[in-house]
């Protein structure tokens, strides 16, 4: 396959593959794009493996191992290898609570004035 057929959104890309080999090929293809101006952050790039028997690491073109993780945020949602939405809901609720605390403080300050 010579084209990326995955999820794209501005500066977030999720490459989805069924095998370790396919993921390595897609990663190689993506890093080749740097020649035409696509910048890939080495510190933000991560791999999530789900039900993968192959333990070989995915490598970038300069042969650096790409960090593996169990969850990541994509389009505001927390995607986890657990398959449940519990962590995503907790994350969204804590963000909402923080915003409401800020609003309450602002409203309290305005009421005093």
C-alpha atoms as a PDB file:
ATOM      1  CA  UNK A   1       0.000   0.000   0.000  1.00  0.00           C
ATOM      2  CA  UNK A   2       1.567   3.290  -1.090  1.00  0.00           C
ATOM      3  CA  UNK A   3      -0.836   5.707   0.556  1.00  0.00           C
ATOM      4  CA  UNK A   4      -1.754   6.532   4.116  1.00  0.00           C
ATOM      5  CA  UNK A   5      -5.356   5.536   4.669  1.00  0.00           C
ATOM      6  CA  UNK A   6      -5.793   6.378   8.294  1.00  0.00           C
ATOM      7  CA  UNK A   7      -7.179   9.060  10.586  1.00  0.00           C
ATOM      8  CA  UNK A   8      -5.999  12.603   9.845  1.00  0.00           C
ATOM      9  CA  UNK A   9      -6.732  15.832  11.695  1.00  0.00           C
ATOM     10  CA  UNK A  10      -4.509  18.905  11.312  1.00  0.00           C
ATOM     11  CA  UNK A  11      -1.377  17.939  13.178  1.00  0.00           C
ATOM     12  CA  UNK A  12      -2.558  14.607  14.630  1.00  0.00           C
ATOM     13  CA  UNK A  13      -2.205  11.365  12.707  1.00  0.00           C
ATOM     14  CA  UNK A  14      -3.135   7.912  13.986  1.00  0.00           C
ATOM     15  CA  UNK A  15      -1.658   5.140  11.887  1.00  0.00           C
ATOM     16  CA  UNK A  16      -3.636   1.936  12.281  1.00  0.00           C
ATOM     17  CA  UNK A  17      -2.192  -1.426  11.257  1.00  0.00           C
ATOM     18  CA  UNK A  18      -2.982  -5.069  11.857  1.00  0.00           C
ATOM     19  CA  UNK A  19       0.647  -6.189  12.116  1.00  0.00           C
ATOM     20  CA  UNK A  20       3.948  -4.880  13.405  1.00  0.00           C
ATOM     21  CA  UNK A  21       5.402  -5.147   9.878  1.00  0.00           C
ATOM     22  CA  UNK A  22       2.610  -3.022   8.363  1.00  0.00           C
ATOM     23  CA  UNK A  23       3.072  -0.402  11.093  1.00  0.00           C
ATOM     24  CA  UNK A  24       6.802  -0.228  10.411  1.00  0.00           C
ATOM     25  CA  UNK A  25       6.145   0.240   6.679  1.00  0.00           C
ATOM     26  CA  UNK A  26       3.622   3.033   7.347  1.00  0.00           C
ATOM     27  CA  UNK A  27       5.998   4.705   9.807  1.00  0.00           C
ATOM     28  CA  UNK A  28       8.793   4.579   7.223  1.00  0.00           C
ATOM     29  CA  UNK A  29       6.471   6.057   4.589  1.00  0.00           C
ATOM     30  CA  UNK A  30       5.384   8.826   6.930  1.00  0.00           C
ATOM     31  CA  UNK A  31       8.931   9.771   7.910  1.00  0.00           C
ATOM     32  CA  UNK A  32       9.859   9.978   4.222  1.00  0.00           C
ATOM     33  CA  UNK A  33       7.368  12.868   4.057  1.00  0.00           C
ATOM     34  CA  UNK A  34       9.842  15.017   5.961  1.00  0.00           C
ATOM     35  CA  UNK A  35      11.562  15.593   2.617  1.00  0.00           C
ATOM     36  CA  UNK A  36       8.549  17.637   1.462  1.00  0.00           C
ATOM     37  CA  UNK A  37       8.160  19.669   4.650  1.00  0.00           C
ATOM     38  CA  UNK A  38       6.132  17.476   7.008  1.00  0.00           C
ATOM     39  CA  UNK A  39       7.713  17.803  10.435  1.00  0.00           C
ATOM     40  CA  UNK A  40       7.348  14.853  12.795  1.00  0.00           C
ATOM     41  CA  UNK A  41       7.938  15.451  16.493  1.00  0.00           C
ATOM     42  CA  UNK A  42      10.279  12.805  17.868  1.00  0.00           C
ATOM     43  CA  UNK A  43       9.193  13.561  21.434  1.00  0.00           C
ATOM     44  CA  UNK A  44       5.446  13.376  20.741  1.00  0.00           C
ATOM     45  CA  UNK A  45       5.448  10.324  18.461  1.00  0.00           C
ATOM     46  CA  UNK A  46       4.284   7.163  20.240  1.00  0.00           C
ATOM     47  CA  UNK A  47       3.091   3.654  19.422  1.00  0.00           C
ATOM     48  CA  UNK A  48       0.167   1.792  20.973  1.00  0.00           C
ATOM     49  CA  UNK A  49       0.146  -1.975  20.514  1.00  0.00           C
ATOM     50  CA  UNK A  50      -3.043  -3.910  21.108  1.00  0.00           C
ATOM     51  CA  UNK A  51      -3.062  -7.713  20.994  1.00  0.00           C
ATOM     52  CA  UNK A  52       0.332  -7.662  19.298  1.00  0.00           C
ATOM     53  CA  UNK A  53       2.456 -10.769  19.702  1.00  0.00           C
ATOM     54  CA  UNK A  54       5.457  -9.209  17.961  1.00  0.00           C
ATOM     55  CA  UNK A  55       7.543  -7.391  20.566  1.00  0.00           C
ATOM     56  CA  UNK A  56       9.933  -5.810  18.056  1.00  0.00           C
ATOM     57  CA  UNK A  57       9.923  -2.023  18.533  1.00  0.00           C
ATOM     58  CA  UNK A  58       8.802   0.344  15.778  1.00  0.00           C
ATOM     59  CA  UNK A  59      11.719   2.488  14.648  1.00  0.00           C
ATOM     60  CA  UNK A  60      11.927   5.886  13.023  1.00  0.00           C
ATOM     61  CA  UNK A  61      13.976   6.378   9.867  1.00  0.00           C
ATOM     62  CA  UNK A  62      17.079   7.336  11.815  1.00  0.00           C
ATOM     63  CA  UNK A  63      16.714   3.974  13.621  1.00  0.00           C
ATOM     64  CA  UNK A  64      15.544   5.473  16.932  1.00  0.00           C
ATOM     65  CA  UNK A  65      13.030   3.328  18.796  1.00  0.00           C
ATOM     66  CA  UNK A  66       9.599   4.988  19.011  1.00  0.00           C
ATOM     67  CA  UNK A  67       8.239   5.037  22.560  1.00  0.00           C
ATOM     68  CA  UNK A  68       5.343   2.662  23.334  1.00  0.00           C
ATOM     69  CA  UNK A  69       2.384   3.793  25.446  1.00  0.00           C
ATOM     70  CA  UNK A  70      -0.904   2.354  26.697  1.00  0.00           C
ATOM     71  CA  UNK A  71      -3.046   5.408  25.933  1.00  0.00           C
ATOM     72  CA  UNK A  72      -3.044   8.659  24.004  1.00  0.00           C
ATOM     73  CA  UNK A  73      -5.322  11.608  23.304  1.00  0.00           C
ATOM     74  CA  UNK A  74      -6.774  11.854  19.805  1.00  0.00           C
ATOM     75  CA  UNK A  75      -9.235  14.603  18.856  1.00  0.00           C
ATOM     76  CA  UNK A  76      -9.846  15.283  22.553  1.00  0.00           C
ATOM     77  CA  UNK A  77     -10.675  11.680  23.431  1.00  0.00           C
ATOM     78  CA  UNK A  78      -8.448   9.459  25.533  1.00  0.00           C
ATOM     79  CA  UNK A  79      -7.830   6.229  23.613  1.00  0.00           C
ATOM     80  CA  UNK A  80      -6.685   3.331  25.783  1.00  0.00           C
ATOM     81  CA  UNK A  81      -5.541  -0.236  25.219  1.00  0.00           C
ATOM     82  CA  UNK A  82      -8.014  -1.280  27.928  1.00  0.00           C
ATOM     83  CA  UNK A  83     -10.871  -0.679  25.511  1.00  0.00           C
ATOM     84  CA  UNK A  84     -13.102   0.989  28.083  1.00  0.00           C
ATOM     85  CA  UNK A  85     -14.060   4.639  28.205  1.00  0.00           C
ATOM     86  CA  UNK A  86     -13.501   5.019  31.959  1.00  0.00           C
ATOM     87  CA  UNK A  87     -10.202   6.921  31.662  1.00  0.00           C
ATOM     88  CA  UNK A  88     -11.637   9.132  28.916  1.00  0.00           C
ATOM     89  CA  UNK A  89     -14.686   9.990  31.036  1.00  0.00           C
ATOM     90  CA  UNK A  90     -12.504  10.704  34.085  1.00  0.00           C
ATOM     91  CA  UNK A  91     -10.296  12.970  31.985  1.00  0.00           C
ATOM     92  CA  UNK A  92     -13.245  14.885  30.526  1.00  0.00           C
ATOM     93  CA  UNK A  93     -14.915  15.256  33.930  1.00  0.00           C
ATOM     94  CA  UNK A  94     -11.747  16.570  35.585  1.00  0.00           C
ATOM     95  CA  UNK A  95     -11.288  19.112  32.763  1.00  0.00           C
ATOM     96  CA  UNK A  96     -14.909  20.252  33.137  1.00  0.00           C
ATOM     97  CA  UNK A  97     -14.559  20.538  36.924  1.00  0.00           C
ATOM     98  CA  UNK A  98     -11.436  22.690  36.521  1.00  0.00           C
ATOM     99  CA  UNK A  99     -13.280  25.050  34.162  1.00  0.00           C
ATOM    100  CA  UNK A 100     -16.252  25.341  36.529  1.00  0.00           C
ATOM    101  CA  UNK A 101     -13.913  26.092  39.463  1.00  0.00           C
ATOM    102  CA  UNK A 102     -12.348  28.926  37.445  1.00  0.00           C
ATOM    103  CA  UNK A 103     -15.774  30.273  36.499  1.00  0.00           C
ATOM    104  CA  UNK A 104     -16.972  30.119  40.113  1.00  0.00           C
ATOM    105  CA  UNK A 105     -13.880  32.021  41.331  1.00  0.00           C
ATOM    106  CA  UNK A 106     -14.438  34.650  38.638  1.00  0.00           C
ATOM    107  CA  UNK A 107     -18.106  35.000  39.558  1.00  0.00           C
ATOM    108  CA  UNK A 108     -17.224  35.273  43.269  1.00  0.00           C
ATOM    109  CA  UNK A 109     -14.693  38.025  42.527  1.00  0.00           C
ATOM    110  CA  UNK A 110     -17.223  39.926  40.414  1.00  0.00           C
ATOM    111  CA  UNK A 111     -19.869  39.623  43.149  1.00  0.00           C
ATOM    112  CA  UNK A 112     -17.502  41.144  45.713  1.00  0.00           C
ATOM    113  CA  UNK A 113     -16.786  44.147  43.523  1.00  0.00           C
END
